PDB file of N, CA and C in Angstrom:
ATOM      1  N   MET A   1     -14.690   2.279  -5.033  1.00  0.00           N
ATOM      2  CA  MET A   1     -13.348   2.430  -5.557  1.00  0.00           C
ATOM      3  C   MET A   1     -12.343   2.335  -4.418  1.00  0.00           C
ATOM      4  N   GLY A   2     -11.353   1.480  -4.538  1.00  0.00           N
ATOM      5  CA  GLY A   2     -10.352   1.317  -3.492  1.00  0.00           C
ATOM      6  C   GLY A   2      -9.607   2.603  -3.210  1.00  0.00           C
ATOM      7  N   ARG A   3      -9.464   2.911  -1.925  1.00  0.00           N
ATOM      8  CA  ARG A   3      -8.767   4.144  -1.516  1.00  0.00           C
ATOM      9  C   ARG A   3      -8.046   3.908  -0.199  1.00  0.00           C
ATOM     10  N   ILE A   4      -6.889   4.573  -0.069  1.00  0.00           N
ATOM     11  CA  ILE A   4      -6.186   4.602   1.206  1.00  0.00           C
ATOM     12  C   ILE A   4      -6.062   6.048   1.649  1.00  0.00           C
ATOM     13  N   SER A   5      -5.821   6.238   2.936  1.00  0.00           N
ATOM     14  CA  SER A   5      -5.705   7.579   3.493  1.00  0.00           C
ATOM     15  C   SER A   5      -4.547   7.600   4.479  1.00  0.00           C
ATOM     16  N   ALA A   6      -3.684   8.604   4.365  1.00  0.00           N
ATOM     17  CA  ALA A   6      -2.546   8.743   5.281  1.00  0.00           C
ATOM     18  C   ALA A   6      -3.050   8.957   6.695  1.00  0.00           C
ATOM     19  N   ASN A   7      -2.582   8.119   7.604  1.00  0.00           N
ATOM     20  CA  ASN A   7      -2.980   8.144   9.002  1.00  0.00           C
ATOM     21  C   ASN A   7      -4.491   8.075   9.195  1.00  0.00           C
ATOM     22  N   GLY A   8      -5.193   7.597   8.168  1.00  0.00           N
ATOM     23  CA  GLY A   8      -6.628   7.355   8.276  1.00  0.00           C
ATOM     24  C   GLY A   8      -7.499   8.584   8.210  1.00  0.00           C
ATOM     25  N   VAL A   9      -6.915   9.746   7.908  1.00  0.00           N
ATOM     26  CA  VAL A   9      -7.701  10.982   7.857  1.00  0.00           C
ATOM     27  C   VAL A   9      -7.331  11.769   6.605  1.00  0.00           C
ATOM     28  N   GLY A  10      -8.159  12.721   6.264  1.00  0.00           N
ATOM     29  CA  GLY A  10      -7.830  13.630   5.174  1.00  0.00           C
ATOM     30  C   GLY A  10      -8.004  13.026   3.796  1.00  0.00           C
ATOM     31  N   PHE A  11      -7.170  13.465   2.880  1.00  0.00           N
ATOM     32  CA  PHE A  11      -7.254  13.125   1.464  1.00  0.00           C
ATOM     33  C   PHE A  11      -7.207  11.619   1.245  1.00  0.00           C
ATOM     34  N   LYS A  12      -8.135  11.126   0.446  1.00  0.00           N
ATOM     35  CA  LYS A  12      -8.193   9.702   0.129  1.00  0.00           C
ATOM     36  C   LYS A  12      -7.513   9.469  -1.219  1.00  0.00           C
ATOM     37  N   ILE A  13      -6.550   8.575  -1.239  1.00  0.00           N
ATOM     38  CA  ILE A  13      -5.754   8.293  -2.423  1.00  0.00           C
ATOM     39  C   ILE A  13      -6.380   7.108  -3.151  1.00  0.00           C
ATOM     40  N   PRO A  14      -6.849   7.310  -4.409  1.00  0.00           N
ATOM     41  CA  PRO A  14      -7.448   6.197  -5.136  1.00  0.00           C
ATOM     42  C   PRO A  14      -6.394   5.171  -5.545  1.00  0.00           C
ATOM     43  N   LEU A  15      -6.766   3.902  -5.507  1.00  0.00           N
ATOM     44  CA  LEU A  15      -5.884   2.820  -5.922  1.00  0.00           C
ATOM     45  C   LEU A  15      -6.204   2.417  -7.352  1.00  0.00           C
ATOM     46  N   GLN A  16      -5.168   2.174  -8.134  1.00  0.00           N
ATOM     47  CA  GLN A  16      -5.311   1.641  -9.478  1.00  0.00           C
ATOM     48  C   GLN A  16      -5.393   0.127  -9.371  1.00  0.00           C
ATOM     49  N   SER A  17      -5.712  -0.556 -10.445  1.00  0.00           N
ATOM     50  CA  SER A  17      -5.782  -2.019 -10.388  1.00  0.00           C
ATOM     51  C   SER A  17      -4.457  -2.607  -9.922  1.00  0.00           C
ATOM     52  N   VAL A  18      -3.340  -1.969 -10.277  1.00  0.00           N
ATOM     53  CA  VAL A  18      -2.029  -2.260  -9.696  1.00  0.00           C
ATOM     54  C   VAL A  18      -1.410  -0.923  -9.343  1.00  0.00           C
ATOM     55  N   THR A  19      -1.107  -0.728  -8.070  1.00  0.00           N
ATOM     56  CA  THR A  19      -0.532   0.520  -7.588  1.00  0.00           C
ATOM     57  C   THR A  19       0.858   0.234  -7.044  1.00  0.00           C
ATOM     58  N   SER A  20       1.874   0.779  -7.713  1.00  0.00           N
ATOM     59  CA  SER A  20       3.247   0.635  -7.235  1.00  0.00           C
ATOM     60  C   SER A  20       3.507   1.701  -6.171  1.00  0.00           C
ATOM     61  N   VAL A  21       4.260   1.315  -5.143  1.00  0.00           N
ATOM     62  CA  VAL A  21       4.534   2.202  -4.005  1.00  0.00           C
ATOM     63  C   VAL A  21       6.038   2.295  -3.811  1.00  0.00           C
ATOM     64  N   GLY A  22       6.557   3.503  -3.680  1.00  0.00           N
ATOM     65  CA  GLY A  22       7.978   3.670  -3.411  1.00  0.00           C
ATOM     66  C   GLY A  22       8.453   5.089  -3.663  1.00  0.00           C
ATOM     67  N   ARG A  23       9.775   5.277  -3.571  1.00  0.00           N
ATOM     68  CA  ARG A  23      10.406   6.582  -3.822  1.00  0.00           C
ATOM     69  C   ARG A  23      10.627   6.839  -5.300  1.00  0.00           C
ATOM     70  N   GLY A  24      10.623   5.808  -6.129  1.00  0.00           N
ATOM     71  CA  GLY A  24      10.961   5.931  -7.545  1.00  0.00           C
ATOM     72  C   GLY A  24       9.996   6.804  -8.327  1.00  0.00           C
ATOM     73  N   ASP A  25      10.531   7.445  -9.352  1.00  0.00           N
ATOM     74  CA  ASP A  25       9.728   8.330 -10.197  1.00  0.00           C
ATOM     75  C   ASP A  25       8.588   7.610 -10.898  1.00  0.00           C
ATOM     76  N   ASP A  26       8.744   6.311 -11.135  1.00  0.00           N
ATOM     77  CA  ASP A  26       7.719   5.566 -11.866  1.00  0.00           C
ATOM     78  C   ASP A  26       6.642   4.974 -10.958  1.00  0.00           C
ATOM     79  N   CYS A  27       6.716   5.210  -9.653  1.00  0.00           N
ATOM     80  CA  CYS A  27       5.723   4.673  -8.720  1.00  0.00           C
ATOM     81  C   CYS A  27       4.440   5.491  -8.757  1.00  0.00           C
ATOM     82  N   ALA A  28       3.301   4.808  -8.735  1.00  0.00           N
ATOM     83  CA  ALA A  28       2.004   5.485  -8.718  1.00  0.00           C
ATOM     84  C   ALA A  28       1.797   6.232  -7.404  1.00  0.00           C
ATOM     85  N   LEU A  29       2.241   5.626  -6.298  1.00  0.00           N
ATOM     86  CA  LEU A  29       2.185   6.275  -4.985  1.00  0.00           C
ATOM     87  C   LEU A  29       3.617   6.551  -4.557  1.00  0.00           C
ATOM     88  N   ARG A  30       4.062   7.801  -4.762  1.00  0.00           N
ATOM     89  CA  ARG A  30       5.439   8.190  -4.443  1.00  0.00           C
ATOM     90  C   ARG A  30       5.514   8.677  -3.004  1.00  0.00           C
ATOM     91  N   LEU A  31       6.395   8.033  -2.241  1.00  0.00           N
ATOM     92  CA  LEU A  31       6.609   8.390  -0.842  1.00  0.00           C
ATOM     93  C   LEU A  31       8.054   8.847  -0.691  1.00  0.00           C
ATOM     94  N   ALA A  32       8.243  10.123  -0.433  1.00  0.00           N
ATOM     95  CA  ALA A  32       9.576  10.721  -0.418  1.00  0.00           C
ATOM     96  C   ALA A  32      10.229  10.641   0.963  1.00  0.00           C
ATOM     97  N   TYR A  33      10.364   9.436   1.471  1.00  0.00           N
ATOM     98  CA  TYR A  33      11.030   9.212   2.753  1.00  0.00           C
ATOM     99  C   TYR A  33      12.212   8.295   2.494  1.00  0.00           C
ATOM    100  N   ARG A  34      13.358   8.583   3.099  1.00  0.00           N
ATOM    101  CA  ARG A  34      14.542   7.770   2.832  1.00  0.00           C
ATOM    102  C   ARG A  34      14.387   6.330   3.316  1.00  0.00           C
ATOM    103  N   GLU A  35      13.453   6.079   4.235  1.00  0.00           N
ATOM    104  CA  GLU A  35      13.207   4.717   4.719  1.00  0.00           C
ATOM    105  C   GLU A  35      12.430   3.870   3.719  1.00  0.00           C
ATOM    106  N   VAL A  36      11.863   4.517   2.714  1.00  0.00           N
ATOM    107  CA  VAL A  36      11.066   3.831   1.698  1.00  0.00           C
ATOM    108  C   VAL A  36      11.971   3.516   0.506  1.00  0.00           C
ATOM    109  N   SER A  37      11.959   2.278   0.044  1.00  0.00           N
ATOM    110  CA  SER A  37      12.766   1.868  -1.109  1.00  0.00           C
ATOM    111  C   SER A  37      12.205   2.461  -2.399  1.00  0.00           C
ATOM    112  N   ALA A  38      13.041   2.513  -3.429  1.00  0.00           N
ATOM    113  CA  ALA A  38      12.614   3.057  -4.723  1.00  0.00           C
ATOM    114  C   ALA A  38      11.405   2.297  -5.258  1.00  0.00           C
ATOM    115  N   ASN A  39      11.434   0.987  -5.188  1.00  0.00           N
ATOM    116  CA  ASN A  39      10.299   0.131  -5.548  1.00  0.00           C
ATOM    117  C   ASN A  39       9.990  -0.711  -4.323  1.00  0.00           C
ATOM    118  N   HIS A  40       9.177  -0.189  -3.452  1.00  0.00           N
ATOM    119  CA  HIS A  40       8.976  -0.746  -2.117  1.00  0.00           C
ATOM    120  C   HIS A  40       7.937  -1.868  -2.081  1.00  0.00           C
ATOM    121  N   ALA A  41       6.762  -1.615  -2.685  1.00  0.00           N
ATOM    122  CA  ALA A  41       5.648  -2.569  -2.580  1.00  0.00           C
ATOM    123  C   ALA A  41       4.673  -2.364  -3.733  1.00  0.00           C
ATOM    124  N   GLU A  42       3.739  -3.289  -3.847  1.00  0.00           N
ATOM    125  CA  GLU A  42       2.636  -3.164  -4.794  1.00  0.00           C
ATOM    126  C   GLU A  42       1.334  -3.492  -4.081  1.00  0.00           C
ATOM    127  N   ILE A  43       0.289  -2.782  -4.477  1.00  0.00           N
ATOM    128  CA  ILE A  43      -1.070  -3.092  -4.042  1.00  0.00           C
ATOM    129  C   ILE A  43      -1.844  -3.381  -5.316  1.00  0.00           C
ATOM    130  N   ARG A  44      -2.597  -4.484  -5.341  1.00  0.00           N
ATOM    131  CA  ARG A  44      -3.355  -4.819  -6.545  1.00  0.00           C
ATOM    132  C   ARG A  44      -4.746  -5.327  -6.188  1.00  0.00           C
ATOM    133  N   TRP A  45      -5.627  -5.198  -7.179  1.00  0.00           N
ATOM    134  CA  TRP A  45      -6.978  -5.746  -7.092  1.00  0.00           C
ATOM    135  C   TRP A  45      -6.923  -7.161  -7.640  1.00  0.00           C
ATOM    136  N   SER A  46      -7.329  -8.146  -6.863  1.00  0.00           N
ATOM    137  CA  SER A  46      -7.225  -9.546  -7.263  1.00  0.00           C
ATOM    138  C   SER A  46      -8.453 -10.039  -8.023  1.00  0.00           C
ATOM    139  N   GLY A  47      -9.478  -9.206  -8.102  1.00  0.00           N
ATOM    140  CA  GLY A  47     -10.733  -9.608  -8.724  1.00  0.00           C
ATOM    141  C   GLY A  47     -11.877  -9.591  -7.727  1.00  0.00           C
ATOM    142  N   ASP A  48     -11.540  -9.780  -6.431  1.00  0.00           N
ATOM    143  CA  ASP A  48     -12.581  -9.673  -5.397  1.00  0.00           C
ATOM    144  C   ASP A  48     -12.071  -9.039  -4.108  1.00  0.00           C
ATOM    145  N   HIS A  49     -10.782  -8.711  -4.027  1.00  0.00           N
ATOM    146  CA  HIS A  49     -10.237  -8.013  -2.854  1.00  0.00           C
ATOM    147  C   HIS A  49      -8.891  -7.382  -3.215  1.00  0.00           C
ATOM    148  N   TRP A  50      -8.441  -6.489  -2.336  1.00  0.00           N
ATOM    149  CA  TRP A  50      -7.130  -5.869  -2.488  1.00  0.00           C
ATOM    150  C   TRP A  50      -6.086  -6.724  -1.785  1.00  0.00           C
ATOM    151  N   GLU A  51      -4.862  -6.715  -2.319  1.00  0.00           N
ATOM    152  CA  GLU A  51      -3.764  -7.422  -1.683  1.00  0.00           C
ATOM    153  C   GLU A  51      -2.472  -6.643  -1.883  1.00  0.00           C
ATOM    154  N   LEU A  52      -1.524  -6.910  -0.996  1.00  0.00           N
ATOM    155  CA  LEU A  52      -0.266  -6.170  -0.965  1.00  0.00           C
ATOM    156  C   LEU A  52       0.903  -7.136  -0.983  1.00  0.00           C
ATOM    157  N   ARG A  53       1.995  -6.712  -1.650  1.00  0.00           N
ATOM    158  CA  ARG A  53       3.227  -7.497  -1.695  1.00  0.00           C
ATOM    159  C   ARG A  53       4.411  -6.568  -1.494  1.00  0.00           C
ATOM    160  N   ASP A  54       5.290  -6.904  -0.546  1.00  0.00           N
ATOM    161  CA  ASP A  54       6.540  -6.182  -0.342  1.00  0.00           C
ATOM    162  C   ASP A  54       7.535  -6.663  -1.404  1.00  0.00           C
ATOM    163  N   LEU A  55       8.234  -5.708  -2.045  1.00  0.00           N
ATOM    164  CA  LEU A  55       9.147  -6.035  -3.144  1.00  0.00           C
ATOM    165  C   LEU A  55      10.609  -6.068  -2.673  1.00  0.00           C
ATOM    166  N   GLU A  56      10.877  -6.821  -1.620  1.00  0.00           N
ATOM    167  CA  GLU A  56      12.227  -6.937  -1.059  1.00  0.00           C
ATOM    168  C   GLU A  56      12.766  -5.565  -0.644  1.00  0.00           C
ATOM    169  N   SER A  57      11.902  -4.770  -0.021  1.00  0.00           N
ATOM    170  CA  SER A  57      12.299  -3.441   0.427  1.00  0.00           C
ATOM    171  C   SER A  57      13.350  -3.547   1.534  1.00  0.00           C
ATOM    172  N   SER A  58      14.118  -2.483   1.696  1.00  0.00           N
ATOM    173  CA  SER A  58      15.170  -2.457   2.714  1.00  0.00           C
ATOM    174  C   SER A  58      14.616  -2.406   4.132  1.00  0.00           C
ATOM    175  N   ASN A  59      13.506  -1.693   4.332  1.00  0.00           N
ATOM    176  CA  ASN A  59      12.986  -1.464   5.675  1.00  0.00           C
ATOM    177  C   ASN A  59      11.635  -2.090   5.952  1.00  0.00           C
ATOM    178  N   GLY A  60      11.153  -2.937   5.053  1.00  0.00           N
ATOM    179  CA  GLY A  60       9.955  -3.711   5.318  1.00  0.00           C
ATOM    180  C   GLY A  60       8.640  -2.980   5.163  1.00  0.00           C
ATOM    181  N   THR A  61       7.583  -3.771   5.251  1.00  0.00           N
ATOM    182  CA  THR A  61       6.204  -3.309   5.146  1.00  0.00           C
ATOM    183  C   THR A  61       5.399  -3.985   6.248  1.00  0.00           C
ATOM    184  N   LEU A  62       4.490  -3.238   6.845  1.00  0.00           N
ATOM    185  CA  LEU A  62       3.630  -3.769   7.897  1.00  0.00           C
ATOM    186  C   LEU A  62       2.169  -3.694   7.475  1.00  0.00           C
ATOM    187  N   ILE A  63       1.403  -4.691   7.876  1.00  0.00           N
ATOM    188  CA  ILE A  63      -0.058  -4.627   7.817  1.00  0.00           C
ATOM    189  C   ILE A  63      -0.532  -4.840   9.244  1.00  0.00           C
ATOM    190  N   ASN A  64      -1.258  -3.863   9.769  1.00  0.00           N
ATOM    191  CA  ASN A  64      -1.756  -3.930  11.151  1.00  0.00           C
ATOM    192  C   ASN A  64      -0.629  -4.265  12.133  1.00  0.00           C
ATOM    193  N   ASP A  65       0.503  -3.572  11.958  1.00  0.00           N
ATOM    194  CA  ASP A  65       1.681  -3.688  12.831  1.00  0.00           C
ATOM    195  C   ASP A  65       2.381  -5.038  12.764  1.00  0.00           C
ATOM    196  N   GLU A  66       2.051  -5.864  11.773  1.00  0.00           N
ATOM    197  CA  GLU A  66       2.717  -7.160  11.559  1.00  0.00           C
ATOM    198  C   GLU A  66       3.590  -7.050  10.314  1.00  0.00           C
ATOM    199  N   VAL A  67       4.842  -7.469  10.423  1.00  0.00           N
ATOM    200  CA  VAL A  67       5.745  -7.465   9.275  1.00  0.00           C
ATOM    201  C   VAL A  67       5.253  -8.482   8.252  1.00  0.00           C
ATOM    202  N   VAL A  68       5.181  -8.069   6.989  1.00  0.00           N
ATOM    203  CA  VAL A  68       4.736  -8.984   5.943  1.00  0.00           C
ATOM    204  C   VAL A  68       5.939  -9.679   5.310  1.00  0.00           C
ATOM    205  N   GLU A  69       5.726 -10.907   4.903  1.00  0.00           N
ATOM    206  CA  GLU A  69       6.767 -11.682   4.230  1.00  0.00           C
ATOM    207  C   GLU A  69       6.999 -11.092   2.845  1.00  0.00           C
ATOM    208  N   THR A  70       8.254 -10.895   2.504  1.00  0.00           N
ATOM    209  CA  THR A  70       8.635 -10.349   1.207  1.00  0.00           C
ATOM    210  C   THR A  70       8.214 -11.280   0.080  1.00  0.00           C
ATOM    211  N   GLY A  71       7.687 -10.702  -1.000  1.00  0.00           N
ATOM    212  CA  GLY A  71       7.371 -11.453  -2.200  1.00  0.00           C
ATOM    213  C   GLY A  71       6.053 -12.202  -2.180  1.00  0.00           C
ATOM    214  N   THR A  72       5.360 -12.215  -1.061  1.00  0.00           N
ATOM    215  CA  THR A  72       4.099 -12.943  -0.915  1.00  0.00           C
ATOM    216  C   THR A  72       2.938 -11.952  -0.906  1.00  0.00           C
ATOM    217  N   TRP A  73       1.864 -12.274  -1.619  1.00  0.00           N
ATOM    218  CA  TRP A  73       0.678 -11.417  -1.618  1.00  0.00           C
ATOM    219  C   TRP A  73      -0.093 -11.627  -0.317  1.00  0.00           C
ATOM    220  N   HIS A  74      -0.473 -10.514   0.318  1.00  0.00           N
ATOM    221  CA  HIS A  74      -1.213 -10.526   1.579  1.00  0.00           C
ATOM    222  C   HIS A  74      -2.545  -9.817   1.372  1.00  0.00           C
ATOM    223  N   PRO A  75      -3.669 -10.464   1.708  1.00  0.00           N
ATOM    224  CA  PRO A  75      -4.982  -9.827   1.520  1.00  0.00           C
ATOM    225  C   PRO A  75      -5.144  -8.619   2.434  1.00  0.00           C
ATOM    226  N   LEU A  76      -5.874  -7.640   1.935  1.00  0.00           N
ATOM    227  CA  LEU A  76      -6.203  -6.441   2.702  1.00  0.00           C
ATOM    228  C   LEU A  76      -7.704  -6.360   2.878  1.00  0.00           C
ATOM    229  N   GLU A  77      -8.119  -5.833   4.021  1.00  0.00           N
ATOM    230  CA  GLU A  77      -9.528  -5.596   4.301  1.00  0.00           C
ATOM    231  C   GLU A  77      -9.712  -4.134   4.665  1.00  0.00           C
ATOM    232  N   GLU A  78     -10.905  -3.622   4.412  1.00  0.00           N
ATOM    233  CA  GLU A  78     -11.199  -2.241   4.795  1.00  0.00           C
ATOM    234  C   GLU A  78     -10.897  -2.061   6.275  1.00  0.00           C
ATOM    235  N   GLY A  79     -10.181  -0.989   6.593  1.00  0.00           N
ATOM    236  CA  GLY A  79      -9.789  -0.700   7.975  1.00  0.00           C
ATOM    237  C   GLY A  79      -8.371  -1.119   8.308  1.00  0.00           C
ATOM    238  N   ASP A  80      -7.741  -1.940   7.453  1.00  0.00           N
ATOM    239  CA  ASP A  80      -6.349  -2.347   7.701  1.00  0.00           C
ATOM    240  C   ASP A  80      -5.409  -1.152   7.634  1.00  0.00           C
ATOM    241  N   TRP A  81      -4.372  -1.200   8.480  1.00  0.00           N
ATOM    242  CA  TRP A  81      -3.316  -0.195   8.497  1.00  0.00           C
ATOM    243  C   TRP A  81      -2.095  -0.748   7.781  1.00  0.00           C
ATOM    244  N   ILE A  82      -1.475   0.087   6.935  1.00  0.00           N
ATOM    245  CA  ILE A  82      -0.286  -0.308   6.174  1.00  0.00           C
ATOM    246  C   ILE A  82       0.809   0.717   6.443  1.00  0.00           C
ATOM    247  N   ALA A  83       2.043   0.233   6.632  1.00  0.00           N
ATOM    248  CA  ALA A  83       3.192   1.124   6.788  1.00  0.00           C
ATOM    249  C   ALA A  83       4.298   0.648   5.853  1.00  0.00           C
ATOM    250  N   PHE A  84       4.928   1.600   5.159  1.00  0.00           N
ATOM    251  CA  PHE A  84       5.995   1.306   4.213  1.00  0.00           C
ATOM    252  C   PHE A  84       7.300   1.903   4.724  1.00  0.00           C
ATOM    253  N   GLY A  85       8.148   1.096   5.359  1.00  0.00           N
ATOM    254  CA  GLY A  85       9.463   1.553   5.794  1.00  0.00           C
ATOM    255  C   GLY A  85       9.445   2.607   6.882  1.00  0.00           C
ATOM    256  N   HIS A  86       8.719   3.677   6.688  1.00  0.00           N
ATOM    257  CA  HIS A  86       8.613   4.796   7.633  1.00  0.00           C
ATOM    258  C   HIS A  86       7.377   4.520   8.493  1.00  0.00           C
ATOM    259  N   PHE A  87       7.576   3.857   9.627  1.00  0.00           N
ATOM    260  CA  PHE A  87       6.449   3.287  10.359  1.00  0.00           C
ATOM    261  C   PHE A  87       5.642   4.293  11.182  1.00  0.00           C
ATOM    262  N   GLN A  88       6.092   5.552  11.257  1.00  0.00           N
ATOM    263  CA  GLN A  88       5.292   6.556  11.954  1.00  0.00           C
ATOM    264  C   GLN A  88       4.142   7.044  11.073  1.00  0.00           C
ATOM    265  N   ILE A  89       4.299   6.909   9.770  1.00  0.00           N
ATOM    266  CA  ILE A  89       3.236   7.301   8.845  1.00  0.00           C
ATOM    267  C   ILE A  89       2.600   6.021   8.331  1.00  0.00           C
ATOM    268  N   ARG A  90       1.313   5.900   8.620  1.00  0.00           N
ATOM    269  CA  ARG A  90       0.588   4.697   8.215  1.00  0.00           C
ATOM    270  C   ARG A  90      -0.552   5.094   7.294  1.00  0.00           C
ATOM    271  N   TYR A  91      -0.950   4.136   6.502  1.00  0.00           N
ATOM    272  CA  TYR A  91      -2.043   4.327   5.555  1.00  0.00           C
ATOM    273  C   TYR A  91      -3.147   3.344   5.897  1.00  0.00           C
ATOM    274  N   ARG A  92      -4.365   3.820   5.821  1.00  0.00           N
ATOM    275  CA  ARG A  92      -5.507   2.963   6.144  1.00  0.00           C
ATOM    276  C   ARG A  92      -6.309   2.704   4.878  1.00  0.00           C
ATOM    277  N   LEU A  93      -6.679   1.448   4.656  1.00  0.00           N
ATOM    278  CA  LEU A  93      -7.572   1.133   3.549  1.00  0.00           C
ATOM    279  C   LEU A  93      -8.966   1.586   3.978  1.00  0.00           C
ATOM    280  N   VAL A  94      -9.420   2.703   3.422  1.00  0.00           N
ATOM    281  CA  VAL A  94     -10.689   3.299   3.842  1.00  0.00           C
ATOM    282  C   VAL A  94     -11.848   2.934   2.921  1.00  0.00           C
ATOM    283  N   ASP A  95     -11.536   2.324   1.776  1.00  0.00           N
ATOM    284  CA  ASP A  95     -12.571   1.864   0.849  1.00  0.00           C
ATOM    285  C   ASP A  95     -12.025   0.634   0.146  1.00  0.00           C
ATOM    286  N   ASP A  96     -12.698  -0.508   0.298  1.00  0.00           N
ATOM    287  CA  ASP A  96     -12.202  -1.737  -0.295  1.00  0.00           C
ATOM    288  C   ASP A  96     -12.951  -2.136  -1.565  1.00  0.00           C
ATOM    289  N   GLY A  97     -13.619  -1.159  -2.191  1.00  0.00           N
ATOM    290  CA  GLY A  97     -14.320  -1.433  -3.439  1.00  0.00           C
ATOM    291  C   GLY A  97     -13.331  -1.635  -4.587  1.00  0.00           C
ATOM    292  N   PRO A  98     -13.806  -2.169  -5.712  1.00  0.00           N
ATOM    293  CA  PRO A  98     -12.932  -2.417  -6.853  1.00  0.00           C
ATOM    294  C   PRO A  98     -12.419  -1.104  -7.458  1.00  0.00           C
ATOM    295  N   PRO A  99     -11.324  -1.184  -8.225  1.00  0.00           N
ATOM    296  CA  PRO A  99     -10.811   0.027  -8.859  1.00  0.00           C
ATOM    297  C   PRO A  99     -11.795   0.550  -9.892  1.00  0.00           C
ATOM    298  N   LYS A 100     -11.662   1.826 -10.200  1.00  0.00           N
ATOM    299  CA  LYS A 100     -12.533   2.445 -11.194  1.00  0.00           C
ATOM    300  C   LYS A 100     -12.390   1.710 -12.520  1.00  0.00           C
ATOM    301  N   GLY A 101     -13.518   1.302 -13.071  1.00  0.00           N
ATOM    302  CA  GLY A 101     -13.517   0.585 -14.332  1.00  0.00           C
ATOM    303  C   GLY A 101     -13.169  -0.886 -14.180  1.00  0.00           C
ATOM    304  N   GLY A 102     -13.017  -1.372 -12.940  1.00  0.00           N
ATOM    305  CA  GLY A 102     -12.592  -2.736 -12.785  1.00  0.00           C
ATOM    306  C   GLY A 102     -13.391  -3.518 -11.837  1.00  0.00           C
TER     307      GLY A 102
END
């Protein structure tokens, strides 16, 4: 089951087949940092791997310290680091298995 972990340690956050990320109340992964946009990014299961897309966020998204192009899906691999706007807090893909039931 796909999971990410804040700073690569501690509690593992399960990923849904589509996981919305942002400050907004409707986001599956709510990040309460002012640097994070209301609808910042999405992580989804493509059928054989996880991928991420920045949703025109104000402060950008990084994968392994590289800025990702807005609106384009970027593949993720187990061990990749992701940062959403607030670049001191990073998330690591600690399990790249498919979502539960998927």
